C-alpha cells in the first residue's frame, strides 16, 4: 500500500472488528511504513504506530429504532425524540462530551503524538 493512502475501519486485534475511522467520511492516512508496522494519522489528529488490518464497512442501527429494552433511546410512537436530557450509549452512559478513554490504557505506548 503506498504512503499517503487513506484507509478506514481499522482493527487493532485481528478478528475483533474495526475500531478506528468507521464513520461516514472518516479516514486515517498512512504516513510511514516499517516492515509490517505502519504509522497512521487518525481522524482525531493523533499520530499512531500500528499494524493495520483493513475491513469493509460496518452498519449500525439507530438507538431510536430499537425497543426500550435494547437502548435508552428506544420506544415511543413514530419518530419520537430521545426523551432524556442528554443522549446516551446503549449501556446508559453519556454519549456526548464525556471522555471515555481510560487514563492508563495498555496501548498508550503506541501513540506517538496526542490529539490537540
PDB file of N, CA and C in Angstrom:
ATOM      1  N   UNK A   1       0.839  -1.166   0.000  1.00  0.00           N
ATOM      2  CA  UNK A   1       0.000   0.000   0.000  1.00  0.00           C
ATOM      3  C   UNK A   1       0.897   1.246   0.000  1.00  0.00           C
ATOM      4  N   UNK A   2       0.704   2.173  -0.923  1.00  0.00           N
ATOM      5  CA  UNK A   2       1.579   3.342  -0.999  1.00  0.00           C
ATOM      6  C   UNK A   2       1.336   4.334   0.143  1.00  0.00           C
ATOM      7  N   UNK A   3       2.372   5.110   0.478  1.00  0.00           N
ATOM      8  CA  UNK A   3       2.240   6.128   1.514  1.00  0.00           C
ATOM      9  C   UNK A   3       1.239   7.186   1.074  1.00  0.00           C
ATOM     10  N   UNK A   4       0.521   7.747   2.029  1.00  0.00           N
ATOM     11  CA  UNK A   4      -0.487   8.757   1.716  1.00  0.00           C
ATOM     12  C   UNK A   4      -1.855   8.163   1.426  1.00  0.00           C
ATOM     13  N   UNK A   5      -1.968   6.842   1.416  1.00  0.00           N
ATOM     14  CA  UNK A   5      -3.243   6.194   1.145  1.00  0.00           C
ATOM     15  C   UNK A   5      -4.209   6.458   2.297  1.00  0.00           C
ATOM     16  N   UNK A   6      -5.469   6.750   1.977  1.00  0.00           N
ATOM     17  CA  UNK A   6      -6.477   6.908   3.018  1.00  0.00           C
ATOM     18  C   UNK A   6      -7.132   5.553   3.248  1.00  0.00           C
ATOM     19  N   UNK A   7      -7.278   5.190   4.507  1.00  0.00           N
ATOM     20  CA  UNK A   7      -7.860   3.904   4.855  1.00  0.00           C
ATOM     21  C   UNK A   7      -8.941   4.125   5.905  1.00  0.00           C
ATOM     22  N   UNK A   8      -9.811   3.150   6.070  1.00  0.00           N
ATOM     23  CA  UNK A   8     -10.882   3.272   7.052  1.00  0.00           C
ATOM     24  C   UNK A   8     -11.129   1.933   7.720  1.00  0.00           C
ATOM     25  N   UNK A   9     -11.890   1.978   8.812  1.00  0.00           N
ATOM     26  CA  UNK A   9     -12.310   0.793   9.555  1.00  0.00           C
ATOM     27  C   UNK A   9     -11.113  -0.079   9.947  1.00  0.00           C
ATOM     28  N   UNK A  10     -10.232   0.452  10.752  1.00  0.00           N
ATOM     29  CA  UNK A  10      -9.002  -0.224  11.140  1.00  0.00           C
ATOM     30  C   UNK A  10      -9.243  -0.999  12.423  1.00  0.00           C
ATOM     31  N   UNK A  11      -8.792  -2.235  12.451  1.00  0.00           N
ATOM     32  CA  UNK A  11      -8.927  -3.028  13.671  1.00  0.00           C
ATOM     33  C   UNK A  11      -7.575  -3.207  14.334  1.00  0.00           C
ATOM     34  N   UNK A  12      -7.570  -3.268  15.676  1.00  0.00           N
ATOM     35  CA  UNK A  12      -6.340  -3.450  16.426  1.00  0.00           C
ATOM     36  C   UNK A  12      -5.986  -4.920  16.556  1.00  0.00           C
ATOM     37  N   UNK A  13      -6.973  -5.743  16.894  1.00  0.00           N
ATOM     38  CA  UNK A  13      -6.757  -7.182  17.006  1.00  0.00           C
ATOM     39  C   UNK A  13      -7.456  -7.867  15.853  1.00  0.00           C
ATOM     40  N   UNK A  14      -6.787  -8.804  15.226  1.00  0.00           N
ATOM     41  CA  UNK A  14      -7.348  -9.496  14.078  1.00  0.00           C
ATOM     42  C   UNK A  14      -8.629 -10.230  14.474  1.00  0.00           C
ATOM     43  N   UNK A  15      -9.710  -9.972  13.744  1.00  0.00           N
ATOM     44  CA  UNK A  15     -10.975 -10.635  14.001  1.00  0.00           C
ATOM     45  C   UNK A  15     -11.871  -9.924  14.999  1.00  0.00           C
ATOM     46  N   UNK A  16     -11.371  -8.888  15.685  1.00  0.00           N
ATOM     47  CA  UNK A  16     -12.178  -8.178  16.677  1.00  0.00           C
ATOM     48  C   UNK A  16     -13.154  -7.203  16.024  1.00  0.00           C
ATOM     49  N   UNK A  17     -12.822  -6.737  14.830  1.00  0.00           N
ATOM     50  CA  UNK A  17     -13.672  -5.759  14.154  1.00  0.00           C
ATOM     51  C   UNK A  17     -13.046  -4.376  14.197  1.00  0.00           C
ATOM     52  N   UNK A  18     -13.430  -3.546  13.245  1.00  0.00           N
ATOM     53  CA  UNK A  18     -12.862  -2.211  13.114  1.00  0.00           C
ATOM     54  C   UNK A  18     -13.180  -1.326  14.293  1.00  0.00           C
ATOM     55  N   UNK A  19     -12.217  -0.488  14.694  1.00  0.00           N
ATOM     56  CA  UNK A  19     -12.410   0.420  15.812  1.00  0.00           C
ATOM     57  C   UNK A  19     -12.032   1.862  15.479  1.00  0.00           C
ATOM     58  N   UNK A  20     -11.255   2.098  14.447  1.00  0.00           N
ATOM     59  CA  UNK A  20     -10.843   3.457  14.087  1.00  0.00           C
ATOM     60  C   UNK A  20     -11.385   3.832  12.719  1.00  0.00           C
ATOM     61  N   UNK A  21     -11.735   5.098  12.540  1.00  0.00           N
ATOM     62  CA  UNK A  21     -12.163   5.654  11.252  1.00  0.00           C
ATOM     63  C   UNK A  21     -13.301   4.849  10.654  1.00  0.00           C
ATOM     64  N   UNK A  22     -14.394   4.698  11.420  1.00  0.00           N
ATOM     65  CA  UNK A  22     -15.505   3.884  10.946  1.00  0.00           C
ATOM     66  C   UNK A  22     -16.669   4.705  10.413  1.00  0.00           C
ATOM     67  N   UNK A  23     -16.771   5.961  10.803  1.00  0.00           N
ATOM     68  CA  UNK A  23     -17.926   6.767  10.417  1.00  0.00           C
ATOM     69  C   UNK A  23     -17.836   7.187   8.959  1.00  0.00           C
ATOM     70  N   UNK A  24     -18.970   7.619   8.420  1.00  0.00           N
ATOM     71  CA  UNK A  24     -19.015   8.063   7.030  1.00  0.00           C
ATOM     72  C   UNK A  24     -18.091   9.260   6.852  1.00  0.00           C
ATOM     73  N   UNK A  25     -17.170   9.177   5.916  1.00  0.00           N
ATOM     74  CA  UNK A  25     -16.242  10.267   5.641  1.00  0.00           C
ATOM     75  C   UNK A  25     -15.011  10.281   6.522  1.00  0.00           C
ATOM     76  N   UNK A  26     -14.986   9.465   7.570  1.00  0.00           N
ATOM     77  CA  UNK A  26     -13.817   9.420   8.443  1.00  0.00           C
ATOM     78  C   UNK A  26     -12.751   8.538   7.806  1.00  0.00           C
ATOM     79  N   UNK A  27     -11.506   8.986   7.875  1.00  0.00           N
ATOM     80  CA  UNK A  27     -10.445   8.189   7.265  1.00  0.00           C
ATOM     81  C   UNK A  27      -9.132   8.478   7.968  1.00  0.00           C
ATOM     82  N   UNK A  28      -8.291   7.464   7.984  1.00  0.00           N
ATOM     83  CA  UNK A  28      -6.935   7.610   8.520  1.00  0.00           C
ATOM     84  C   UNK A  28      -5.985   7.665   7.334  1.00  0.00           C
ATOM     85  N   UNK A  29      -4.824   8.255   7.551  1.00  0.00           N
ATOM     86  CA  UNK A  29      -3.850   8.390   6.471  1.00  0.00           C
ATOM     87  C   UNK A  29      -2.588   7.638   6.833  1.00  0.00           C
ATOM     88  N   UNK A  30      -2.089   6.862   5.902  1.00  0.00           N
ATOM     89  CA  UNK A  30      -0.856   6.114   6.092  1.00  0.00           C
ATOM     90  C   UNK A  30       0.311   7.064   5.835  1.00  0.00           C
ATOM     91  N   UNK A  31       1.102   7.358   6.899  1.00  0.00           N
ATOM     92  CA  UNK A  31       2.179   8.335   6.706  1.00  0.00           C
ATOM     93  C   UNK A  31       3.568   7.710   6.739  1.00  0.00           C
ATOM     94  N   UNK A  32       3.687   6.465   7.219  1.00  0.00           N
ATOM     95  CA  UNK A  32       5.004   5.801   7.215  1.00  0.00           C
ATOM     96  C   UNK A  32       4.804   4.298   7.343  1.00  0.00           C
ATOM     97  N   UNK A  33       5.777   3.548   6.842  1.00  0.00           N
ATOM     98  CA  UNK A  33       5.753   2.090   6.961  1.00  0.00           C
ATOM     99  C   UNK A  33       7.124   1.596   7.381  1.00  0.00           C
ATOM    100  N   UNK A  34       7.148   0.599   8.264  1.00  0.00           N
ATOM    101  CA  UNK A  34       8.382  -0.067   8.674  1.00  0.00           C
ATOM    102  C   UNK A  34       8.073  -1.551   8.781  1.00  0.00           C
ATOM    103  N   UNK A  35       8.473  -2.312   7.796  1.00  0.00           N
ATOM    104  CA  UNK A  35       8.185  -3.742   7.809  1.00  0.00           C
ATOM    105  C   UNK A  35       6.687  -3.983   7.789  1.00  0.00           C
ATOM    106  N   UNK A  36       6.165  -4.705   8.806  1.00  0.00           N
ATOM    107  CA  UNK A  36       4.733  -4.965   8.885  1.00  0.00           C
ATOM    108  C   UNK A  36       3.995  -3.907   9.684  1.00  0.00           C
ATOM    109  N   UNK A  37       4.720  -2.970  10.275  1.00  0.00           N
ATOM    110  CA  UNK A  37       4.108  -1.911  11.075  1.00  0.00           C
ATOM    111  C   UNK A  37       3.890  -0.666  10.230  1.00  0.00           C
ATOM    112  N   UNK A  38       2.994   0.179  10.707  1.00  0.00           N
ATOM    113  CA  UNK A  38       2.688   1.404   9.975  1.00  0.00           C
ATOM    114  C   UNK A  38       2.399   2.529  10.964  1.00  0.00           C
ATOM    115  N   UNK A  39       2.613   3.764  10.526  1.00  0.00           N
ATOM    116  CA  UNK A  39       2.255   4.940  11.296  1.00  0.00           C
ATOM    117  C   UNK A  39       1.068   5.590  10.615  1.00  0.00           C
ATOM    118  N   UNK A  40       0.007   5.833  11.395  1.00  0.00           N
ATOM    119  CA  UNK A  40      -1.238   6.373  10.852  1.00  0.00           C
ATOM    120  C   UNK A  40      -1.567   7.700  11.505  1.00  0.00           C
ATOM    121  N   UNK A  41      -2.156   8.611  10.733  1.00  0.00           N
ATOM    122  CA  UNK A  41      -2.746   9.821  11.298  1.00  0.00           C
ATOM    123  C   UNK A  41      -4.243   9.578  11.308  1.00  0.00           C
ATOM    124  N   UNK A  42      -4.793   9.454  12.511  1.00  0.00           N
ATOM    125  CA  UNK A  42      -6.202   9.109  12.632  1.00  0.00           C
ATOM    126  C   UNK A  42      -7.057  10.375  12.667  1.00  0.00           C
ATOM    127  N   UNK A  43      -8.388  10.268  12.499  1.00  0.00           N
ATOM    128  CA  UNK A  43      -9.232  11.453  12.343  1.00  0.00           C
ATOM    129  C   UNK A  43      -9.142  12.472  13.472  1.00  0.00           C
ATOM    130  N   UNK A  44      -8.790  12.049  14.694  1.00  0.00           N
ATOM    131  CA  UNK A  44      -8.693  13.000  15.801  1.00  0.00           C
ATOM    132  C   UNK A  44      -7.452  13.878  15.695  1.00  0.00           C
ATOM    133  N   UNK A  45      -6.548  13.544  14.781  1.00  0.00           N
ATOM    134  CA  UNK A  45      -5.306  14.291  14.637  1.00  0.00           C
ATOM    135  C   UNK A  45      -4.147  13.594  15.314  1.00  0.00           C
ATOM    136  N   UNK A  46      -4.421  12.525  16.033  1.00  0.00           N
ATOM    137  CA  UNK A  46      -3.392  11.763  16.720  1.00  0.00           C
ATOM    138  C   UNK A  46      -2.571  10.974  15.708  1.00  0.00           C
ATOM    139  N   UNK A  47      -1.275  10.840  15.950  1.00  0.00           N
ATOM    140  CA  UNK A  47      -0.399  10.026  15.109  1.00  0.00           C
ATOM    141  C   UNK A  47      -0.116   8.751  15.883  1.00  0.00           C
ATOM    142  N   UNK A  48      -0.394   7.622  15.267  1.00  0.00           N
ATOM    143  CA  UNK A  48      -0.367   6.351  15.982  1.00  0.00           C
ATOM    144  C   UNK A  48       0.435   5.309  15.231  1.00  0.00           C
ATOM    145  N   UNK A  49       1.228   4.532  15.976  1.00  0.00           N
ATOM    146  CA  UNK A  49       2.029   3.437  15.432  1.00  0.00           C
ATOM    147  C   UNK A  49       1.194   2.170  15.555  1.00  0.00           C
ATOM    148  N   UNK A  50       0.969   1.477  14.457  1.00  0.00           N
ATOM    149  CA  UNK A  50       0.028   0.370  14.481  1.00  0.00           C
ATOM    150  C   UNK A  50       0.368  -0.654  13.410  1.00  0.00           C
ATOM    151  N   UNK A  51      -0.250  -1.831  13.529  1.00  0.00           N
ATOM    152  CA  UNK A  51      -0.197  -2.838  12.475  1.00  0.00           C
ATOM    153  C   UNK A  51      -1.602  -2.895  11.894  1.00  0.00           C
ATOM    154  N   UNK A  52      -1.871  -2.157  10.816  1.00  0.00           N
ATOM    155  CA  UNK A  52      -3.255  -2.032  10.348  1.00  0.00           C
ATOM    156  C   UNK A  52      -3.778  -3.298   9.675  1.00  0.00           C
ATOM    157  N   UNK A  53      -5.016  -3.620   9.989  1.00  0.00           N
ATOM    158  CA  UNK A  53      -5.744  -4.678   9.316  1.00  0.00           C
ATOM    159  C   UNK A  53      -7.037  -4.032   8.827  1.00  0.00           C
ATOM    160  N   UNK A  54      -7.307  -4.147   7.564  1.00  0.00           N
ATOM    161  CA  UNK A  54      -8.420  -3.410   6.983  1.00  0.00           C
ATOM    162  C   UNK A  54      -9.639  -4.299   6.813  1.00  0.00           C
ATOM    163  N   UNK A  55     -10.827  -3.709   7.027  1.00  0.00           N
ATOM    164  CA  UNK A  55     -12.106  -4.381   6.790  1.00  0.00           C
ATOM    165  C   UNK A  55     -12.942  -3.510   5.888  1.00  0.00           C
ATOM    166  N   UNK A  56     -14.112  -3.988   5.573  1.00  0.00           N
ATOM    167  CA  UNK A  56     -15.069  -3.215   4.782  1.00  0.00           C
ATOM    168  C   UNK A  56     -15.851  -2.294   5.700  1.00  0.00           C
ATOM    169  N   UNK A  57     -17.131  -2.056   5.357  1.00  0.00           N
ATOM    170  CA  UNK A  57     -17.934  -1.139   6.157  1.00  0.00           C
ATOM    171  C   UNK A  57     -18.719  -1.903   7.216  1.00  0.00           C
ATOM    172  N   UNK A  58     -19.130  -1.198   8.250  1.00  0.00           N
ATOM    173  CA  UNK A  58     -19.950  -1.809   9.295  1.00  0.00           C
ATOM    174  C   UNK A  58     -21.211  -0.968   9.445  1.00  0.00           C
ATOM    175  N   UNK A  59     -22.342  -1.623   9.432  1.00  0.00           N
ATOM    176  CA  UNK A  59     -23.609  -0.908   9.543  1.00  0.00           C
ATOM    177  C   UNK A  59     -24.034  -0.872  11.008  1.00  0.00           C
ATOM    178  N   UNK A  60     -24.722   0.188  11.399  1.00  0.00           N
ATOM    179  CA  UNK A  60     -25.226   0.299  12.754  1.00  0.00           C
ATOM    180  C   UNK A  60     -26.692   0.689  12.718  1.00  0.00           C
ATOM    181  N   UNK A  61     -27.430   0.216  13.679  1.00  0.00           N
ATOM    182  CA  UNK A  61     -28.842   0.532  13.806  1.00  0.00           C
ATOM    183  C   UNK A  61     -28.980   1.688  14.792  1.00  0.00           C
ATOM    184  N   UNK A  62     -29.840   2.655  14.473  1.00  0.00           N
ATOM    185  CA  UNK A  62     -30.065   3.789  15.370  1.00  0.00           C
ATOM    186  C   UNK A  62     -30.736   3.323  16.655  1.00  0.00           C
ATOM    187  N   UNK A  63     -30.354   3.948  17.758  1.00  0.00           N
ATOM    188  CA  UNK A  63     -30.960   3.602  19.038  1.00  0.00           C
ATOM    189  C   UNK A  63     -32.448   3.892  19.059  1.00  0.00           C
ATOM    190  N   UNK A  64     -32.874   4.959  18.367  1.00  0.00           N
ATOM    191  CA  UNK A  64     -34.282   5.339  18.347  1.00  0.00           C
ATOM    192  C   UNK A  64     -35.143   4.312  17.613  1.00  0.00           C
ATOM    193  N   UNK A  65     -34.516   3.474  16.791  1.00  0.00           N
ATOM    194  CA  UNK A  65     -35.264   2.461  16.057  1.00  0.00           C
ATOM    195  C   UNK A  65     -35.417   1.167  16.859  1.00  0.00           C
ATOM    196  N   UNK A  66     -34.814   1.122  18.060  1.00  0.00           N
ATOM    197  CA  UNK A  66     -34.859  -0.084  18.880  1.00  0.00           C
ATOM    198  C   UNK A  66     -35.996  -0.023  19.890  1.00  0.00           C
ATOM    199  N   UNK A  67     -36.153  -1.100  20.620  1.00  0.00           N
ATOM    200  CA  UNK A  67     -37.122  -1.157  21.714  1.00  0.00           C
ATOM    201  C   UNK A  67     -36.468  -0.614  22.981  1.00  0.00           C
ATOM    202  N   UNK A  68     -37.284  -0.199  23.965  1.00  0.00           N
ATOM    203  CA  UNK A  68     -36.702   0.361  25.186  1.00  0.00           C
ATOM    204  C   UNK A  68     -35.793  -0.613  25.925  1.00  0.00           C
ATOM    205  N   UNK A  69     -36.020  -1.896  25.776  1.00  0.00           N
ATOM    206  CA  UNK A  69     -35.193  -2.879  26.461  1.00  0.00           C
ATOM    207  C   UNK A  69     -33.795  -2.956  25.838  1.00  0.00           C
ATOM    208  N   UNK A  70     -33.660  -2.524  24.574  1.00  0.00           N
ATOM    209  CA  UNK A  70     -32.403  -2.632  23.846  1.00  0.00           C
ATOM    210  C   UNK A  70     -31.550  -1.372  23.905  1.00  0.00           C
ATOM    211  N   UNK A  71     -32.174  -0.204  24.077  1.00  0.00           N
ATOM    212  CA  UNK A  71     -31.421   1.053  24.024  1.00  0.00           C
ATOM    213  C   UNK A  71     -32.179   2.130  24.799  1.00  0.00           C
ATOM    214  N   UNK A  72     -31.473   3.043  25.500  1.00  0.00           N
ATOM    215  CA  UNK A  72     -32.168   4.120  26.216  1.00  0.00           C
ATOM    216  C   UNK A  72     -32.995   5.035  25.310  1.00  0.00           C
ATOM    217  N   UNK A  73     -32.654   5.126  24.020  1.00  0.00           N
ATOM    218  CA  UNK A  73     -33.411   5.985  23.099  1.00  0.00           C
ATOM    219  C   UNK A  73     -34.612   5.261  22.497  1.00  0.00           C
ATOM    220  N   UNK A  74     -34.762   3.982  22.762  1.00  0.00           N
ATOM    221  CA  UNK A  74     -35.778   3.169  22.093  1.00  0.00           C
ATOM    222  C   UNK A  74     -37.187   3.431  22.588  1.00  0.00           C
ATOM    223  N   UNK A  75     -38.151   2.920  21.831  1.00  0.00           N
ATOM    224  CA  UNK A  75     -39.560   3.003  22.194  1.00  0.00           C
ATOM    225  C   UNK A  75     -40.213   4.272  21.713  1.00  0.00           C
ATOM    226  N   UNK A  76     -41.494   4.422  22.042  1.00  0.00           N
ATOM    227  CA  UNK A  76     -42.261   5.586  21.615  1.00  0.00           C
ATOM    228  C   UNK A  76     -42.985   5.317  20.315  1.00  0.00           C
ATOM    229  N   UNK A  77     -43.887   6.202  19.981  1.00  0.00           N
ATOM    230  CA  UNK A  77     -44.673   6.069  18.748  1.00  0.00           C
ATOM    231  C   UNK A  77     -44.054   6.899  17.641  1.00  0.00           C
ATOM    232  N   UNK A  78     -43.890   6.328  16.492  1.00  0.00           N
ATOM    233  CA  UNK A  78     -43.353   7.044  15.330  1.00  0.00           C
ATOM    234  C   UNK A  78     -41.928   7.515  15.556  1.00  0.00           C
ATOM    235  N   UNK A  79     -41.635   8.713  15.042  1.00  0.00           N
ATOM    236  CA  UNK A  79     -40.279   9.265  15.199  1.00  0.00           C
ATOM    237  C   UNK A  79     -40.212  10.060  16.499  1.00  0.00           C
ATOM    238  N   UNK A  80     -40.120   9.356  17.611  1.00  0.00           N
ATOM    239  CA  UNK A  80     -40.102  10.004  18.914  1.00  0.00           C
ATOM    240  C   UNK A  80     -38.717  10.577  19.206  1.00  0.00           C
ATOM    241  N   UNK A  81     -38.648  11.680  19.966  1.00  0.00           N
ATOM    242  CA  UNK A  81     -37.335  12.205  20.358  1.00  0.00           C
ATOM    243  C   UNK A  81     -36.666  11.289  21.379  1.00  0.00           C
ATOM    244  N   UNK A  82     -35.477  11.665  21.806  1.00  0.00           N
ATOM    245  CA  UNK A  82     -34.717  10.833  22.729  1.00  0.00           C
ATOM    246  C   UNK A  82     -35.475  10.642  24.040  1.00  0.00           C
ATOM    247  N   UNK A  83     -36.081  11.707  24.562  1.00  0.00           N
ATOM    248  CA  UNK A  83     -36.864  11.592  25.789  1.00  0.00           C
ATOM    249  C   UNK A  83     -36.035  11.682  27.048  1.00  0.00           C
ATOM    250  N   UNK A  84     -34.757  12.026  26.926  1.00  0.00           N
ATOM    251  CA  UNK A  84     -33.875  12.197  28.078  1.00  0.00           C
ATOM    252  C   UNK A  84     -33.200  13.557  27.966  1.00  0.00           C
ATOM    253  N   UNK A  85     -32.538  13.984  29.038  1.00  0.00           N
ATOM    254  CA  UNK A  85     -31.873  15.284  28.981  1.00  0.00           C
ATOM    255  C   UNK A  85     -30.685  15.259  28.023  1.00  0.00           C
ATOM    256  N   UNK A  86     -29.947  14.138  28.008  1.00  0.00           N
ATOM    257  CA  UNK A  86     -28.769  14.034  27.149  1.00  0.00           C
ATOM    258  C   UNK A  86     -28.781  12.691  26.430  1.00  0.00           C
ATOM    259  N   UNK A  87     -28.186  12.624  25.230  1.00  0.00           N
ATOM    260  CA  UNK A  87     -28.090  11.345  24.526  1.00  0.00           C
ATOM    261  C   UNK A  87     -27.256  10.341  25.317  1.00  0.00           C
ATOM    262  N   UNK A  88     -27.577   9.064  25.157  1.00  0.00           N
ATOM    263  CA  UNK A  88     -26.895   8.028  25.921  1.00  0.00           C
ATOM    264  C   UNK A  88     -26.428   6.908  24.998  1.00  0.00           C
ATOM    265  N   UNK A  89     -25.428   6.170  25.454  1.00  0.00           N
ATOM    266  CA  UNK A  89     -24.960   4.988  24.737  1.00  0.00           C
ATOM    267  C   UNK A  89     -25.933   3.840  25.012  1.00  0.00           C
ATOM    268  N   UNK A  90     -25.785   2.710  24.321  1.00  0.00           N
ATOM    269  CA  UNK A  90     -26.683   1.580  24.591  1.00  0.00           C
ATOM    270  C   UNK A  90     -26.613   1.095  26.037  1.00  0.00           C
ATOM    271  N   UNK A  91     -25.536   1.431  26.761  1.00  0.00           N
ATOM    272  CA  UNK A  91     -25.367   0.981  28.142  1.00  0.00           C
ATOM    273  C   UNK A  91     -25.754   2.053  29.150  1.00  0.00           C
ATOM    274  N   UNK A  92     -26.264   3.200  28.661  1.00  0.00           N
ATOM    275  CA  UNK A  92     -26.758   4.236  29.542  1.00  0.00           C
ATOM    276  C   UNK A  92     -25.766   5.314  29.917  1.00  0.00           C
ATOM    277  N   UNK A  93     -24.518   5.243  29.413  1.00  0.00           N
ATOM    278  CA  UNK A  93     -23.525   6.274  29.708  1.00  0.00           C
ATOM    279  C   UNK A  93     -23.742   7.481  28.806  1.00  0.00           C
ATOM    280  N   UNK A  94     -23.318   8.687  29.221  1.00  0.00           N
ATOM    281  CA  UNK A  94     -23.466   9.859  28.350  1.00  0.00           C
ATOM    282  C   UNK A  94     -22.736   9.658  27.021  1.00  0.00           C
ATOM    283  N   UNK A  95     -23.407  10.031  25.917  1.00  0.00           N
ATOM    284  CA  UNK A  95     -22.837   9.788  24.595  1.00  0.00           C
ATOM    285  C   UNK A  95     -22.015  10.969  24.094  1.00  0.00           C
ATOM    286  N   UNK A  96     -22.269  12.158  24.585  1.00  0.00           N
ATOM    287  CA  UNK A  96     -21.578  13.339  24.077  1.00  0.00           C
ATOM    288  C   UNK A  96     -20.906  14.092  25.212  1.00  0.00           C
ATOM    289  N   UNK A  97     -19.661  14.498  25.014  1.00  0.00           N
ATOM    290  CA  UNK A  97     -18.977  15.359  25.961  1.00  0.00           C
ATOM    291  C   UNK A  97     -18.201  14.655  27.058  1.00  0.00           C
ATOM    292  N   UNK A  98     -18.453  13.385  27.286  1.00  0.00           N
ATOM    293  CA  UNK A  98     -17.750  12.669  28.347  1.00  0.00           C
ATOM    294  C   UNK A  98     -16.550  11.950  27.766  1.00  0.00           C
ATOM    295  N   UNK A  99     -15.389  12.074  28.408  1.00  0.00           N
ATOM    296  CA  UNK A  99     -14.201  11.363  27.940  1.00  0.00           C
ATOM    297  C   UNK A  99     -14.338   9.903  28.318  1.00  0.00           C
ATOM    298  N   UNK A 100     -14.146   9.032  27.361  1.00  0.00           N
ATOM    299  CA  UNK A 100     -14.373   7.609  27.607  1.00  0.00           C
ATOM    300  C   UNK A 100     -13.078   6.801  27.568  1.00  0.00           C
ATOM    301  N   UNK A 101     -11.968   7.412  27.175  1.00  0.00           N
ATOM    302  CA  UNK A 101     -10.716   6.672  27.104  1.00  0.00           C
ATOM    303  C   UNK A 101     -10.121   6.487  28.498  1.00  0.00           C
ATOM    304  N   UNK A 102      -9.624   5.280  28.782  1.00  0.00           N
ATOM    305  CA  UNK A 102      -9.000   5.001  30.068  1.00  0.00           C
ATOM    306  C   UNK A 102      -7.701   5.804  30.179  1.00  0.00           C
ATOM    307  N   UNK A 103      -7.403   6.280  31.381  1.00  0.00           N
ATOM    308  CA  UNK A 103      -6.208   7.125  31.560  1.00  0.00           C
ATOM    309  C   UNK A 103      -4.918   6.336  31.429  1.00  0.00           C
ATOM    310  N   UNK A 104      -4.921   5.073  31.814  1.00  0.00           N
ATOM    311  CA  UNK A 104      -3.709   4.256  31.717  1.00  0.00           C
ATOM    312  C   UNK A 104      -3.979   3.057  30.822  1.00  0.00           C
ATOM    313  N   UNK A 105      -4.276   3.316  29.568  1.00  0.00           N
ATOM    314  CA  UNK A 105      -4.596   2.234  28.644  1.00  0.00           C
ATOM    315  C   UNK A 105      -3.321   1.540  28.166  1.00  0.00           C
ATOM    316  N   UNK A 106      -3.421   0.247  27.920  1.00  0.00           N
ATOM    317  CA  UNK A 106      -2.245  -0.535  27.535  1.00  0.00           C
ATOM    318  C   UNK A 106      -1.619  -0.060  26.228  1.00  0.00           C
ATOM    319  N   UNK A 107      -2.415   0.530  25.345  1.00  0.00           N
ATOM    320  CA  UNK A 107      -1.884   0.942  24.049  1.00  0.00           C
ATOM    321  C   UNK A 107      -1.334   2.365  24.057  1.00  0.00           C
ATOM    322  N   UNK A 108      -1.198   2.992  25.223  1.00  0.00           N
ATOM    323  CA  UNK A 108      -0.639   4.344  25.296  1.00  0.00           C
ATOM    324  C   UNK A 108       0.765   4.409  24.716  1.00  0.00           C
ATOM    325  N   UNK A 109       1.508   3.312  24.816  1.00  0.00           N
ATOM    326  CA  UNK A 109       2.884   3.313  24.315  1.00  0.00           C
ATOM    327  C   UNK A 109       2.924   3.367  22.797  1.00  0.00           C
ATOM    328  N   UNK A 110       1.804   3.076  22.124  1.00  0.00           N
ATOM    329  CA  UNK A 110       1.766   3.093  20.654  1.00  0.00           C
ATOM    330  C   UNK A 110       1.422   4.469  20.097  1.00  0.00           C
ATOM    331  N   UNK A 111       0.985   5.392  20.948  1.00  0.00           N
ATOM    332  CA  UNK A 111       0.612   6.731  20.489  1.00  0.00           C
ATOM    333  C   UNK A 111       1.858   7.612  20.477  1.00  0.00           C
ATOM    334  N   UNK A 112       2.180   8.150  19.308  1.00  0.00           N
ATOM    335  CA  UNK A 112       3.376   8.959  19.168  1.00  0.00           C
ATOM    336  C   UNK A 112       3.111  10.418  19.486  1.00  0.00           C
ATOM    337  N   UNK A 113       1.931  10.947  19.093  1.00  0.00           N
ATOM    338  CA  UNK A 113       1.587  12.335  19.374  1.00  0.00           C
ATOM    339  C   UNK A 113       0.099  12.410  19.678  1.00  0.00           C
ATOM    340  N   UNK A 114      -0.247  13.000  20.806  1.00  0.00           N
ATOM    341  CA  UNK A 114      -1.646  13.124  21.224  1.00  0.00           C
ATOM    342  C   UNK A 114      -2.377  14.115  20.345  1.00  0.00           C
ATOM    343  N   UNK A 115      -3.695  13.961  20.306  1.00  0.00           N
ATOM    344  CA  UNK A 115      -4.505  14.952  19.583  1.00  0.00           C
ATOM    345  C   UNK A 115      -4.579  16.230  20.385  1.00  0.00           C
ATOM    346  N   UNK A 116      -4.920  17.327  19.710  1.00  0.00           N
ATOM    347  CA  UNK A 116      -4.937  18.625  20.391  1.00  0.00           C
ATOM    348  C   UNK A 116      -6.302  18.942  20.917  1.00  0.00           C
TER     349      UNK A 116
END
